[in-house]
Every structure is written in structure tokens, then in C-alpha cells.
């Protein structure tokens, strides 16, 4: 079993609701030749600096997230795609220590498979930015303002996707238009959605 990382210890006392569950997950994952680190404020487990899994909690469940879960065979059909826009990561969700205990051997098998995927150098085939749907309202603005089209195209693919997902997430046309209008200055300045 690999050693715990003292920088991560606080996490397992933080969320009282899922404390026992996350501690059990930690014990299982540390028995799988992975190194414990703190990334994005949560316990992350890596193999030679390559992220394999992390533990995180939500209101309704705690989860073990596989960074390249989309590449796993998922023989038991237990991996969950967190949102429709999540491309690579997949979760196994839990609501009790008992459930985690019952799934321990399955989790270890999935972690072993994830390690093999990483050692083999397999990569997730991500959807290209141009494959994302452009909402009609965005297309209209791009057609009206060639400078906006040029500025959007000049952004990194990740920043372009961030804007397209943000605009597309709005259910109503007027909300999409408002979001676009609000973001035009940032796009023209070459900034991403979350850039200051």
C-alpha cells in the first residue's frame, strides 16, 4: 500500500456527510500502486505524474472519477458520464460504505485497467472544436461582425469550446443572445470565458 500524503489528509475530514465513504475509497485506491496528490482541491491518484483517478463528493453521492474512463471496457456497466459534454472522464458513484465494500474488487479491477490504459499511452479521441454545434444566435453575430469571427477563431480550442458550451447551455434564445452580448468584449480582447 502506498503512503498517504499529509497535504491531502484535510480532505477526508472536510465533508462530514461522505467522510467514511471517502476514507474507504482512499484506502482502496492507495492499494493500487498510485501516488496520492492534491489537485483541484481533491485527492488525485497518479502513476508517474499521469492522473488516473480522483475522489470527489457531491450532494447526492461521492465518486471515484477515472480520467480516461471512456477508454475502459466497463464490463459491469457502472461508469457514469458526469455530463453530456464530458468526453474522457467517467465516474463510479457511491452512497454508502457498504456499497463501496461490495464493489472493492470491481474497483480494483477498473483501476488496474486504467493503469494499463495509461501505461499503453492510449489517448481519448476528443471531439474537435469545429464539431461542436454553434447556436443560431452565435452564428448570426459572427456573420454580422467579421471581427468577432476572427477573434473567436484566434482563441485556443479550449477557450472556443468554453464559449460555445456556455452559449449552448442557455435554454432560451434571449438568454443566449444576452450571454453572447456580454462576452463579445472578452472575445475581442482574446480572453477566455473565465479569464480576468
N, C-alpha and C. Protein backbone atom coordinates (compact mmCIF):
# COMPACT_ATOMS: atom_id res chain seq x y z
N UNK A 1 0.85 -1.20 0.00
CA UNK A 1 0.00 0.00 0.00
C UNK A 1 0.88 1.24 0.00
N UNK A 2 0.58 2.17 -0.88
CA UNK A 2 1.33 3.42 -0.95
C UNK A 2 0.98 4.30 0.25
N UNK A 3 1.88 5.20 0.58
CA UNK A 3 1.70 6.09 1.72
C UNK A 3 0.68 7.19 1.42
N UNK A 4 0.03 7.62 2.48
CA UNK A 4 -0.87 8.76 2.35
C UNK A 4 -0.03 10.03 2.26
N UNK A 5 -0.60 11.06 1.66
CA UNK A 5 0.07 12.34 1.52
C UNK A 5 -0.53 13.28 2.56
N UNK A 6 0.28 13.78 3.50
CA UNK A 6 -0.25 14.66 4.55
C UNK A 6 -0.97 15.90 4.03
N UNK A 7 -0.60 16.37 2.83
CA UNK A 7 -1.26 17.54 2.24
C UNK A 7 -2.71 17.24 1.86
N UNK A 8 -3.06 15.97 1.79
CA UNK A 8 -4.39 15.56 1.36
C UNK A 8 -5.28 15.20 2.55
N UNK A 9 -4.67 14.97 3.70
CA UNK A 9 -5.41 14.50 4.88
C UNK A 9 -6.65 15.33 5.21
N UNK A 10 -6.53 16.66 5.09
CA UNK A 10 -7.65 17.54 5.46
C UNK A 10 -8.94 17.17 4.72
N UNK A 11 -8.79 16.73 3.47
CA UNK A 11 -9.97 16.45 2.63
C UNK A 11 -10.87 15.39 3.26
N UNK A 12 -10.28 14.43 3.93
CA UNK A 12 -11.05 13.30 4.46
C UNK A 12 -11.75 13.62 5.78
N UNK A 13 -11.61 14.83 6.26
CA UNK A 13 -12.35 15.29 7.43
C UNK A 13 -13.26 16.45 7.09
N UNK A 14 -13.17 16.91 5.84
CA UNK A 14 -13.88 18.11 5.39
C UNK A 14 -15.38 17.90 5.21
N UNK A 15 -15.76 16.88 4.49
CA UNK A 15 -17.16 16.65 4.15
C UNK A 15 -17.73 15.58 5.10
N UNK A 16 -18.38 16.05 6.15
CA UNK A 16 -18.89 15.13 7.18
C UNK A 16 -19.85 14.09 6.61
N UNK A 17 -20.63 14.47 5.62
CA UNK A 17 -21.62 13.56 5.06
C UNK A 17 -20.96 12.34 4.42
N UNK A 18 -19.84 12.54 3.73
CA UNK A 18 -19.20 11.45 2.98
C UNK A 18 -17.85 11.04 3.56
N UNK A 19 -17.59 11.41 4.81
CA UNK A 19 -16.29 11.16 5.42
C UNK A 19 -15.91 9.67 5.42
N UNK A 20 -16.78 8.81 5.89
CA UNK A 20 -16.47 7.37 5.95
C UNK A 20 -16.29 6.79 4.55
N UNK A 21 -17.10 7.23 3.63
CA UNK A 21 -17.03 6.72 2.25
C UNK A 21 -15.72 7.12 1.58
N UNK A 22 -15.35 8.39 1.71
CA UNK A 22 -14.12 8.84 1.04
C UNK A 22 -12.89 8.21 1.67
N UNK A 23 -12.91 7.97 2.97
CA UNK A 23 -11.79 7.30 3.63
C UNK A 23 -11.65 5.87 3.12
N UNK A 24 -12.76 5.19 2.94
CA UNK A 24 -12.74 3.83 2.41
C UNK A 24 -12.19 3.82 0.98
N UNK A 25 -12.65 4.77 0.16
CA UNK A 25 -12.14 4.87 -1.22
C UNK A 25 -10.63 5.13 -1.21
N UNK A 26 -10.18 5.98 -0.31
CA UNK A 26 -8.75 6.30 -0.22
C UNK A 26 -7.94 5.03 0.05
N UNK A 27 -8.38 4.24 1.01
CA UNK A 27 -7.68 3.00 1.35
C UNK A 27 -7.59 2.06 0.16
N UNK A 28 -8.68 1.94 -0.56
CA UNK A 28 -8.71 1.05 -1.74
C UNK A 28 -7.75 1.55 -2.82
N UNK A 29 -7.83 2.83 -3.13
CA UNK A 29 -7.01 3.39 -4.22
C UNK A 29 -5.53 3.34 -3.86
N UNK A 30 -5.18 3.61 -2.61
CA UNK A 30 -3.77 3.57 -2.22
C UNK A 30 -3.19 2.16 -2.30
N UNK A 31 -4.03 1.15 -2.34
CA UNK A 31 -3.58 -0.23 -2.50
C UNK A 31 -3.34 -0.60 -3.95
N UNK A 32 -3.36 0.37 -4.85
CA UNK A 32 -3.27 0.09 -6.30
C UNK A 32 -2.06 0.74 -6.97
N UNK A 33 -0.93 0.86 -6.28
CA UNK A 33 0.33 1.40 -6.80
C UNK A 33 0.27 2.83 -7.32
N UNK A 34 -0.64 3.63 -6.81
CA UNK A 34 -0.77 5.02 -7.25
C UNK A 34 -0.25 5.97 -6.17
N UNK A 35 0.18 7.14 -6.59
CA UNK A 35 0.68 8.17 -5.69
C UNK A 35 -0.42 9.18 -5.42
N UNK A 36 -0.59 9.51 -4.15
CA UNK A 36 -1.65 10.45 -3.74
C UNK A 36 -1.14 11.88 -3.81
N UNK A 37 -1.92 12.74 -4.47
CA UNK A 37 -1.60 14.16 -4.59
C UNK A 37 -2.87 14.97 -4.35
N UNK A 38 -2.72 16.27 -4.18
CA UNK A 38 -3.87 17.16 -4.07
C UNK A 38 -3.90 18.01 -5.33
N UNK A 39 -4.96 17.85 -6.12
CA UNK A 39 -5.13 18.64 -7.34
C UNK A 39 -6.57 19.11 -7.39
N UNK A 40 -6.77 20.35 -7.76
CA UNK A 40 -8.11 20.95 -7.85
C UNK A 40 -8.84 20.85 -6.51
N UNK A 41 -8.08 20.79 -5.42
CA UNK A 41 -8.65 20.73 -4.08
C UNK A 41 -9.20 19.37 -3.68
N UNK A 42 -8.92 18.34 -4.46
CA UNK A 42 -9.41 16.98 -4.16
C UNK A 42 -8.27 15.97 -4.26
N UNK A 43 -8.43 14.81 -3.63
CA UNK A 43 -7.41 13.77 -3.72
C UNK A 43 -7.34 13.21 -5.14
N UNK A 44 -6.14 13.22 -5.69
CA UNK A 44 -5.91 12.75 -7.05
C UNK A 44 -4.82 11.68 -6.98
N UNK A 45 -4.99 10.62 -7.72
CA UNK A 45 -4.07 9.48 -7.67
C UNK A 45 -3.45 9.29 -9.04
N UNK A 46 -2.10 9.28 -9.04
CA UNK A 46 -1.36 9.31 -10.30
C UNK A 46 -0.36 8.16 -10.38
N UNK A 47 0.01 7.88 -11.61
CA UNK A 47 1.07 6.92 -11.91
C UNK A 47 2.11 7.69 -12.70
N UNK A 48 3.28 7.90 -12.09
CA UNK A 48 4.36 8.65 -12.74
C UNK A 48 3.86 9.98 -13.32
N UNK A 49 3.20 10.76 -12.51
CA UNK A 49 2.69 12.09 -12.86
C UNK A 49 1.54 12.09 -13.87
N UNK A 50 1.00 10.93 -14.18
CA UNK A 50 -0.18 10.85 -15.05
C UNK A 50 -1.40 10.54 -14.19
N UNK A 51 -2.38 11.43 -14.21
CA UNK A 51 -3.58 11.26 -13.39
C UNK A 51 -4.37 10.03 -13.83
N UNK A 52 -4.75 9.22 -12.85
CA UNK A 52 -5.52 8.01 -13.13
C UNK A 52 -6.95 8.17 -12.59
N UNK A 53 -7.07 8.46 -11.29
CA UNK A 53 -8.39 8.62 -10.67
C UNK A 53 -8.35 9.74 -9.64
N UNK A 54 -9.53 10.24 -9.30
CA UNK A 54 -9.64 11.15 -8.17
C UNK A 54 -10.92 10.83 -7.40
N UNK A 55 -10.94 11.28 -6.17
CA UNK A 55 -12.11 11.10 -5.30
C UNK A 55 -12.75 12.46 -5.15
N UNK A 56 -14.08 12.51 -5.34
CA UNK A 56 -14.77 13.77 -5.09
C UNK A 56 -16.18 13.50 -4.59
N UNK A 57 -16.76 14.53 -3.98
CA UNK A 57 -18.08 14.39 -3.38
C UNK A 57 -19.06 15.39 -3.98
N UNK A 58 -20.31 14.99 -3.93
CA UNK A 58 -21.41 15.82 -4.39
C UNK A 58 -22.52 15.72 -3.35
N UNK A 59 -23.57 16.45 -3.55
CA UNK A 59 -24.67 16.45 -2.58
C UNK A 59 -25.27 15.05 -2.44
N UNK A 60 -25.50 14.38 -3.55
CA UNK A 60 -26.21 13.10 -3.55
C UNK A 60 -25.31 11.86 -3.53
N UNK A 61 -24.01 12.02 -3.76
CA UNK A 61 -23.13 10.85 -3.83
C UNK A 61 -21.67 11.28 -3.73
N UNK A 62 -20.81 10.30 -3.50
CA UNK A 62 -19.37 10.51 -3.64
C UNK A 62 -18.95 9.64 -4.82
N UNK A 63 -17.79 9.94 -5.40
CA UNK A 63 -17.43 9.24 -6.62
C UNK A 63 -15.94 9.03 -6.75
N UNK A 64 -15.62 8.00 -7.51
CA UNK A 64 -14.27 7.74 -7.97
C UNK A 64 -14.30 8.07 -9.45
N UNK A 65 -13.52 9.07 -9.85
CA UNK A 65 -13.53 9.52 -11.24
C UNK A 65 -12.29 9.01 -11.96
N UNK A 66 -12.49 8.37 -13.10
CA UNK A 66 -11.41 7.87 -13.94
C UNK A 66 -11.17 8.89 -15.06
N UNK A 67 -9.96 9.44 -15.11
CA UNK A 67 -9.66 10.48 -16.09
C UNK A 67 -9.86 10.01 -17.53
N UNK A 68 -9.51 8.77 -17.82
CA UNK A 68 -9.69 8.21 -19.16
C UNK A 68 -10.73 7.10 -19.14
N UNK A 69 -11.77 7.32 -18.37
CA UNK A 69 -12.82 6.31 -18.21
C UNK A 69 -13.50 5.91 -19.50
N UNK A 70 -13.54 6.81 -20.47
CA UNK A 70 -14.17 6.49 -21.76
C UNK A 70 -13.42 5.37 -22.48
N UNK A 71 -12.16 5.13 -22.11
CA UNK A 71 -11.36 4.09 -22.75
C UNK A 71 -11.47 2.74 -22.03
N UNK A 72 -12.13 2.72 -20.88
CA UNK A 72 -12.27 1.47 -20.13
C UNK A 72 -13.40 0.63 -20.72
N UNK A 73 -13.27 -0.69 -20.58
CA UNK A 73 -14.28 -1.60 -21.14
C UNK A 73 -15.62 -1.50 -20.42
N UNK A 74 -15.60 -1.19 -19.13
CA UNK A 74 -16.80 -1.08 -18.30
C UNK A 74 -17.66 -2.34 -18.38
N UNK A 75 -17.02 -3.48 -18.09
CA UNK A 75 -17.69 -4.79 -18.15
C UNK A 75 -18.93 -4.86 -17.25
N UNK A 76 -18.92 -4.13 -16.16
CA UNK A 76 -20.05 -4.16 -15.22
C UNK A 76 -21.10 -3.08 -15.50
N UNK A 77 -20.83 -2.21 -16.46
CA UNK A 77 -21.78 -1.16 -16.81
C UNK A 77 -22.02 -0.16 -15.69
N UNK A 78 -20.97 0.17 -14.95
CA UNK A 78 -21.13 1.05 -13.78
C UNK A 78 -20.56 2.45 -13.96
N UNK A 79 -19.87 2.69 -15.06
CA UNK A 79 -19.28 4.01 -15.27
C UNK A 79 -20.34 5.01 -15.75
N UNK A 80 -20.29 6.19 -15.17
CA UNK A 80 -21.26 7.24 -15.47
C UNK A 80 -20.55 8.42 -16.11
N UNK A 81 -21.13 8.93 -17.19
CA UNK A 81 -20.63 10.16 -17.82
C UNK A 81 -21.28 11.30 -17.05
N UNK A 82 -20.48 12.12 -16.39
CA UNK A 82 -20.99 13.13 -15.47
C UNK A 82 -21.95 14.11 -16.14
N UNK A 83 -21.61 14.61 -17.32
CA UNK A 83 -22.49 15.48 -18.09
C UNK A 83 -22.38 15.08 -19.55
N UNK A 84 -23.30 15.54 -20.38
CA UNK A 84 -23.27 15.18 -21.80
C UNK A 84 -22.04 15.74 -22.52
N UNK A 85 -21.42 16.77 -21.96
CA UNK A 85 -20.24 17.37 -22.59
C UNK A 85 -18.92 16.78 -22.08
N UNK A 86 -18.98 15.90 -21.09
CA UNK A 86 -17.78 15.25 -20.60
C UNK A 86 -17.33 14.23 -21.63
N UNK A 87 -16.10 14.35 -22.09
CA UNK A 87 -15.63 13.47 -23.15
C UNK A 87 -14.82 12.29 -22.65
N UNK A 88 -13.89 12.49 -21.73
CA UNK A 88 -12.97 11.43 -21.33
C UNK A 88 -13.32 10.79 -19.99
N UNK A 89 -13.62 11.60 -19.00
CA UNK A 89 -13.80 11.11 -17.63
C UNK A 89 -15.11 10.34 -17.45
N UNK A 90 -15.04 9.38 -16.54
CA UNK A 90 -16.22 8.61 -16.13
C UNK A 90 -16.12 8.37 -14.64
N UNK A 91 -17.28 8.27 -13.97
CA UNK A 91 -17.35 8.09 -12.53
C UNK A 91 -17.96 6.75 -12.16
N UNK A 92 -17.57 6.26 -10.98
CA UNK A 92 -18.34 5.23 -10.29
C UNK A 92 -18.88 5.94 -9.06
N UNK A 93 -20.19 5.94 -8.90
CA UNK A 93 -20.83 6.69 -7.82
C UNK A 93 -21.23 5.77 -6.67
N UNK A 94 -21.14 6.34 -5.45
CA UNK A 94 -21.46 5.57 -4.25
C UNK A 94 -22.30 6.40 -3.29
N UNK A 95 -23.12 5.70 -2.51
CA UNK A 95 -23.92 6.39 -1.50
C UNK A 95 -23.75 5.77 -0.12
N UNK A 96 -22.87 4.75 0.03
CA UNK A 96 -22.65 4.15 1.35
C UNK A 96 -21.32 3.41 1.38
N UNK A 97 -20.78 3.23 2.60
CA UNK A 97 -19.55 2.47 2.80
C UNK A 97 -19.80 1.02 2.41
N UNK A 98 -20.97 0.53 2.73
CA UNK A 98 -21.33 -0.86 2.40
C UNK A 98 -21.24 -1.10 0.89
N UNK A 99 -21.78 -0.18 0.14
CA UNK A 99 -21.74 -0.27 -1.32
C UNK A 99 -20.29 -0.27 -1.83
N UNK A 100 -19.45 0.56 -1.24
CA UNK A 100 -18.04 0.61 -1.62
C UNK A 100 -17.36 -0.72 -1.30
N UNK A 101 -17.65 -1.26 -0.12
CA UNK A 101 -17.08 -2.55 0.27
C UNK A 101 -17.47 -3.66 -0.69
N UNK A 102 -18.71 -3.66 -1.11
CA UNK A 102 -19.20 -4.68 -2.04
C UNK A 102 -18.54 -4.54 -3.42
N UNK A 103 -18.15 -3.34 -3.76
CA UNK A 103 -17.58 -3.06 -5.08
C UNK A 103 -16.04 -3.03 -5.08
N UNK A 104 -15.42 -3.32 -3.95
CA UNK A 104 -13.97 -3.17 -3.84
C UNK A 104 -13.20 -3.93 -4.92
N UNK A 105 -13.50 -5.19 -5.13
CA UNK A 105 -12.74 -5.97 -6.12
C UNK A 105 -13.00 -5.44 -7.54
N UNK A 106 -14.21 -4.99 -7.80
CA UNK A 106 -14.54 -4.42 -9.11
C UNK A 106 -13.76 -3.12 -9.32
N UNK A 107 -13.74 -2.27 -8.29
CA UNK A 107 -12.99 -1.00 -8.38
C UNK A 107 -11.52 -1.26 -8.65
N UNK A 108 -10.95 -2.23 -7.93
CA UNK A 108 -9.53 -2.54 -8.12
C UNK A 108 -9.28 -3.01 -9.55
N UNK A 109 -10.19 -3.79 -10.10
CA UNK A 109 -10.04 -4.26 -11.49
C UNK A 109 -10.12 -3.07 -12.46
N UNK A 110 -11.04 -2.14 -12.20
CA UNK A 110 -11.16 -0.96 -13.06
C UNK A 110 -9.92 -0.08 -12.95
N UNK A 111 -9.39 0.08 -11.74
CA UNK A 111 -8.18 0.88 -11.55
C UNK A 111 -7.01 0.21 -12.27
N UNK A 112 -6.91 -1.12 -12.15
CA UNK A 112 -5.84 -1.85 -12.85
C UNK A 112 -5.95 -1.65 -14.36
N UNK A 113 -7.16 -1.68 -14.87
CA UNK A 113 -7.37 -1.45 -16.31
C UNK A 113 -6.98 -0.02 -16.69
N UNK A 114 -7.34 0.95 -15.83
CA UNK A 114 -6.99 2.36 -16.09
C UNK A 114 -5.47 2.54 -16.10
N UNK A 115 -4.77 1.83 -15.24
CA UNK A 115 -3.30 1.89 -15.20
C UNK A 115 -2.74 1.31 -16.50
N UNK A 116 -3.30 0.19 -16.97
CA UNK A 116 -2.85 -0.42 -18.23
C UNK A 116 -3.09 0.54 -19.40
N UNK A 117 -4.23 1.22 -19.40
CA UNK A 117 -4.53 2.20 -20.45
C UNK A 117 -3.47 3.30 -20.46
N UNK A 118 -3.11 3.77 -19.27
CA UNK A 118 -2.10 4.84 -19.17
C UNK A 118 -0.73 4.34 -19.60
N UNK A 119 -0.35 3.15 -19.13
CA UNK A 119 0.97 2.60 -19.50
C UNK A 119 1.07 2.34 -21.00
N UNK A 120 -0.06 2.01 -21.63
CA UNK A 120 -0.08 1.76 -23.08
C UNK A 120 -0.04 3.07 -23.87
N UNK A 121 -0.21 4.21 -23.17
CA UNK A 121 -0.17 5.51 -23.85
C UNK A 121 -1.41 5.82 -24.66
N UNK A 122 -2.53 5.16 -24.33
CA UNK A 122 -3.77 5.39 -25.07
C UNK A 122 -4.29 6.79 -24.80
N UNK A 123 -4.88 7.39 -25.81
CA UNK A 123 -5.43 8.75 -25.70
C UNK A 123 -6.91 8.74 -26.08
N UNK A 124 -7.66 9.58 -25.43
CA UNK A 124 -9.07 9.75 -25.76
C UNK A 124 -9.16 10.59 -27.03
N UNK A 125 -9.99 10.16 -27.96
CA UNK A 125 -10.18 10.90 -29.21
C UNK A 125 -11.22 11.99 -28.94
N UNK A 126 -10.73 13.19 -28.62
CA UNK A 126 -11.62 14.28 -28.28
C UNK A 126 -12.31 14.85 -29.51
N UNK A 127 -13.53 15.27 -29.29
CA UNK A 127 -14.30 15.95 -30.32
C UNK A 127 -13.58 17.27 -30.65
N UNK A 128 -13.44 17.56 -31.91
CA UNK A 128 -12.77 18.78 -32.33
C UNK A 128 -13.70 19.98 -32.13
N UNK A 129 -13.12 21.13 -31.91
CA UNK A 129 -13.90 22.34 -31.66
C UNK A 129 -14.92 22.59 -32.76
N UNK A 130 -14.53 22.37 -34.01
CA UNK A 130 -15.46 22.62 -35.13
C UNK A 130 -16.62 21.63 -35.16
N UNK A 131 -16.55 20.56 -34.37
CA UNK A 131 -17.64 19.59 -34.31
C UNK A 131 -18.74 20.01 -33.32
N UNK A 132 -18.45 21.00 -32.48
CA UNK A 132 -19.45 21.48 -31.53
C UNK A 132 -20.48 22.33 -32.27
N UNK A 133 -21.73 22.19 -31.89
CA UNK A 133 -22.81 22.95 -32.52
C UNK A 133 -22.66 24.44 -32.17
N UNK A 134 -22.86 25.27 -33.17
CA UNK A 134 -22.85 26.72 -32.95
C UNK A 134 -24.31 27.17 -32.92
N UNK A 135 -24.76 27.70 -31.79
CA UNK A 135 -26.14 28.16 -31.72
C UNK A 135 -26.42 29.21 -32.81
N UNK A 136 -27.64 29.20 -33.28
CA UNK A 136 -28.07 30.11 -34.35
C UNK A 136 -27.75 31.57 -34.02
N UNK A 137 -27.99 31.95 -32.75
CA UNK A 137 -27.77 33.33 -32.33
C UNK A 137 -26.28 33.70 -32.43
N UNK A 138 -25.41 32.75 -32.13
CA UNK A 138 -23.97 32.99 -32.23
C UNK A 138 -23.59 33.16 -33.70
N UNK A 139 -24.11 32.26 -34.53
CA UNK A 139 -23.80 32.32 -35.96
C UNK A 139 -24.22 33.66 -36.56
N UNK A 140 -25.38 34.17 -36.13
CA UNK A 140 -25.85 35.46 -36.62
C UNK A 140 -24.87 36.57 -36.25
N UNK A 141 -24.40 36.55 -35.00
CA UNK A 141 -23.44 37.58 -34.54
C UNK A 141 -22.13 37.46 -35.31
N UNK A 142 -21.69 36.24 -35.56
CA UNK A 142 -20.44 36.04 -36.31
C UNK A 142 -20.57 36.53 -37.74
N UNK A 143 -21.76 36.32 -38.33
CA UNK A 143 -22.00 36.80 -39.69
C UNK A 143 -22.07 38.33 -39.74
N UNK A 144 -22.66 38.94 -38.70
CA UNK A 144 -22.79 40.40 -38.64
C UNK A 144 -21.47 41.09 -38.36
N UNK A 145 -20.61 40.44 -37.58
CA UNK A 145 -19.37 41.07 -37.13
C UNK A 145 -18.16 40.20 -37.51
N UNK A 146 -17.59 40.40 -38.68
CA UNK A 146 -16.43 39.60 -39.09
C UNK A 146 -15.27 39.66 -38.09
N UNK A 147 -15.11 40.79 -37.42
CA UNK A 147 -14.03 40.92 -36.42
C UNK A 147 -14.25 39.95 -35.26
N UNK A 148 -15.52 39.72 -34.93
CA UNK A 148 -15.84 38.77 -33.85
C UNK A 148 -15.48 37.35 -34.29
N UNK A 149 -15.77 37.02 -35.53
CA UNK A 149 -15.42 35.69 -36.08
C UNK A 149 -13.90 35.50 -36.04
N UNK A 150 -13.17 36.51 -36.45
CA UNK A 150 -11.71 36.44 -36.46
C UNK A 150 -11.18 36.26 -35.04
N UNK A 151 -11.73 37.04 -34.10
CA UNK A 151 -11.29 36.96 -32.71
C UNK A 151 -11.60 35.60 -32.10
N UNK A 152 -12.79 35.06 -32.37
CA UNK A 152 -13.18 33.75 -31.83
C UNK A 152 -12.26 32.66 -32.41
N UNK A 153 -12.02 32.73 -33.69
CA UNK A 153 -11.14 31.75 -34.34
C UNK A 153 -9.71 31.82 -33.82
N UNK A 154 -9.29 32.99 -33.35
CA UNK A 154 -7.92 33.16 -32.85
C UNK A 154 -7.74 32.60 -31.43
N UNK A 155 -8.85 32.35 -30.73
CA UNK A 155 -8.76 31.80 -29.37
C UNK A 155 -8.28 30.35 -29.42
N UNK A 156 -7.75 29.88 -28.32
CA UNK A 156 -7.34 28.48 -28.24
C UNK A 156 -8.59 27.61 -28.39
N UNK A 157 -8.44 26.37 -28.85
CA UNK A 157 -9.61 25.49 -28.98
C UNK A 157 -10.39 25.34 -27.68
N UNK A 158 -9.69 25.27 -26.55
CA UNK A 158 -10.38 25.14 -25.26
C UNK A 158 -11.24 26.35 -24.93
N UNK A 159 -10.73 27.54 -25.23
CA UNK A 159 -11.50 28.77 -24.98
C UNK A 159 -12.70 28.84 -25.93
N UNK A 160 -12.50 28.42 -27.17
CA UNK A 160 -13.62 28.41 -28.12
C UNK A 160 -14.73 27.47 -27.62
N UNK A 161 -14.32 26.26 -27.20
CA UNK A 161 -15.30 25.29 -26.68
C UNK A 161 -16.01 25.84 -25.45
N UNK A 162 -15.25 26.51 -24.58
CA UNK A 162 -15.85 27.08 -23.38
C UNK A 162 -16.98 28.04 -23.71
N UNK A 163 -16.73 28.92 -24.66
CA UNK A 163 -17.78 29.86 -25.08
C UNK A 163 -18.95 29.13 -25.72
N UNK A 164 -18.67 28.20 -26.64
CA UNK A 164 -19.76 27.50 -27.33
C UNK A 164 -20.64 26.71 -26.36
N UNK A 165 -20.01 26.06 -25.39
CA UNK A 165 -20.79 25.31 -24.39
C UNK A 165 -21.61 26.25 -23.51
N UNK A 166 -21.01 27.37 -23.14
CA UNK A 166 -21.71 28.36 -22.31
C UNK A 166 -22.92 28.93 -23.06
N UNK A 167 -22.73 29.28 -24.32
CA UNK A 167 -23.84 29.83 -25.10
C UNK A 167 -24.91 28.77 -25.32
N UNK A 168 -24.51 27.56 -25.64
CA UNK A 168 -25.46 26.48 -25.93
C UNK A 168 -26.26 26.03 -24.71
N UNK A 169 -25.69 26.22 -23.53
CA UNK A 169 -26.35 25.75 -22.30
C UNK A 169 -27.64 26.53 -22.00
N UNK A 170 -27.74 27.73 -22.52
CA UNK A 170 -28.95 28.54 -22.27
C UNK A 170 -30.13 27.94 -23.04
N UNK A 171 -31.22 27.76 -22.34
CA UNK A 171 -32.40 27.13 -22.96
C UNK A 171 -33.20 28.10 -23.85
N UNK A 172 -33.19 29.37 -23.48
CA UNK A 172 -33.98 30.34 -24.23
C UNK A 172 -33.09 31.20 -25.14
N UNK A 173 -33.63 31.56 -26.28
CA UNK A 173 -32.89 32.36 -27.26
C UNK A 173 -32.45 33.69 -26.66
N UNK A 174 -33.35 34.34 -25.91
CA UNK A 174 -32.99 35.65 -25.36
C UNK A 174 -31.83 35.54 -24.37
N UNK A 175 -31.74 34.41 -23.65
CA UNK A 175 -30.63 34.21 -22.74
C UNK A 175 -29.34 33.99 -23.51
N UNK A 176 -29.41 33.22 -24.60
CA UNK A 176 -28.22 33.01 -25.44
C UNK A 176 -27.73 34.35 -25.99
N UNK A 177 -28.66 35.19 -26.48
CA UNK A 177 -28.29 36.50 -27.02
C UNK A 177 -27.62 37.34 -25.93
N UNK A 178 -28.20 37.36 -24.73
CA UNK A 178 -27.63 38.15 -23.63
C UNK A 178 -26.23 37.66 -23.28
N UNK A 179 -26.04 36.35 -23.26
CA UNK A 179 -24.71 35.80 -22.96
C UNK A 179 -23.69 36.19 -24.04
N UNK A 180 -24.11 36.12 -25.27
CA UNK A 180 -23.23 36.48 -26.38
C UNK A 180 -22.82 37.95 -26.27
N UNK A 181 -23.82 38.81 -26.09
CA UNK A 181 -23.55 40.25 -25.99
C UNK A 181 -22.57 40.55 -24.86
N UNK A 182 -22.76 39.89 -23.73
CA UNK A 182 -21.91 40.10 -22.56
C UNK A 182 -20.47 39.66 -22.85
N UNK A 183 -20.30 38.62 -23.65
CA UNK A 183 -18.98 38.04 -23.88
C UNK A 183 -18.22 38.65 -25.06
N UNK A 184 -18.90 39.39 -25.91
CA UNK A 184 -18.24 39.95 -27.10
C UNK A 184 -16.97 40.73 -26.74
N UNK A 185 -16.98 41.63 -25.75
CA UNK A 185 -15.74 42.37 -25.43
C UNK A 185 -14.58 41.45 -25.03
N UNK A 186 -14.88 40.40 -24.27
CA UNK A 186 -13.82 39.47 -23.85
C UNK A 186 -13.26 38.72 -25.05
N UNK A 187 -14.14 38.28 -25.95
CA UNK A 187 -13.69 37.56 -27.14
C UNK A 187 -12.80 38.48 -27.99
N UNK A 188 -13.25 39.72 -28.17
CA UNK A 188 -12.47 40.67 -28.98
C UNK A 188 -11.12 41.00 -28.34
N UNK A 189 -11.04 40.86 -26.99
CA UNK A 189 -9.79 41.08 -26.27
C UNK A 189 -8.92 39.83 -26.23
N UNK A 190 -9.40 38.73 -26.84
CA UNK A 190 -8.62 37.50 -26.87
C UNK A 190 -8.65 36.71 -25.58
N UNK A 191 -9.67 36.96 -24.77
CA UNK A 191 -9.77 36.30 -23.46
C UNK A 191 -10.78 35.17 -23.49
N UNK A 192 -10.53 34.18 -22.65
CA UNK A 192 -11.47 33.08 -22.48
C UNK A 192 -12.58 33.47 -21.53
N UNK A 193 -13.58 32.64 -21.43
CA UNK A 193 -14.76 32.89 -20.61
C UNK A 193 -14.41 33.18 -19.15
N UNK A 194 -13.43 32.46 -18.60
CA UNK A 194 -13.08 32.63 -17.21
C UNK A 194 -11.85 33.50 -16.97
N UNK A 195 -11.30 34.07 -18.03
CA UNK A 195 -10.13 34.95 -17.89
C UNK A 195 -10.56 36.30 -17.33
N UNK A 196 -9.69 36.88 -16.55
CA UNK A 196 -9.96 38.22 -15.97
C UNK A 196 -9.49 39.31 -16.90
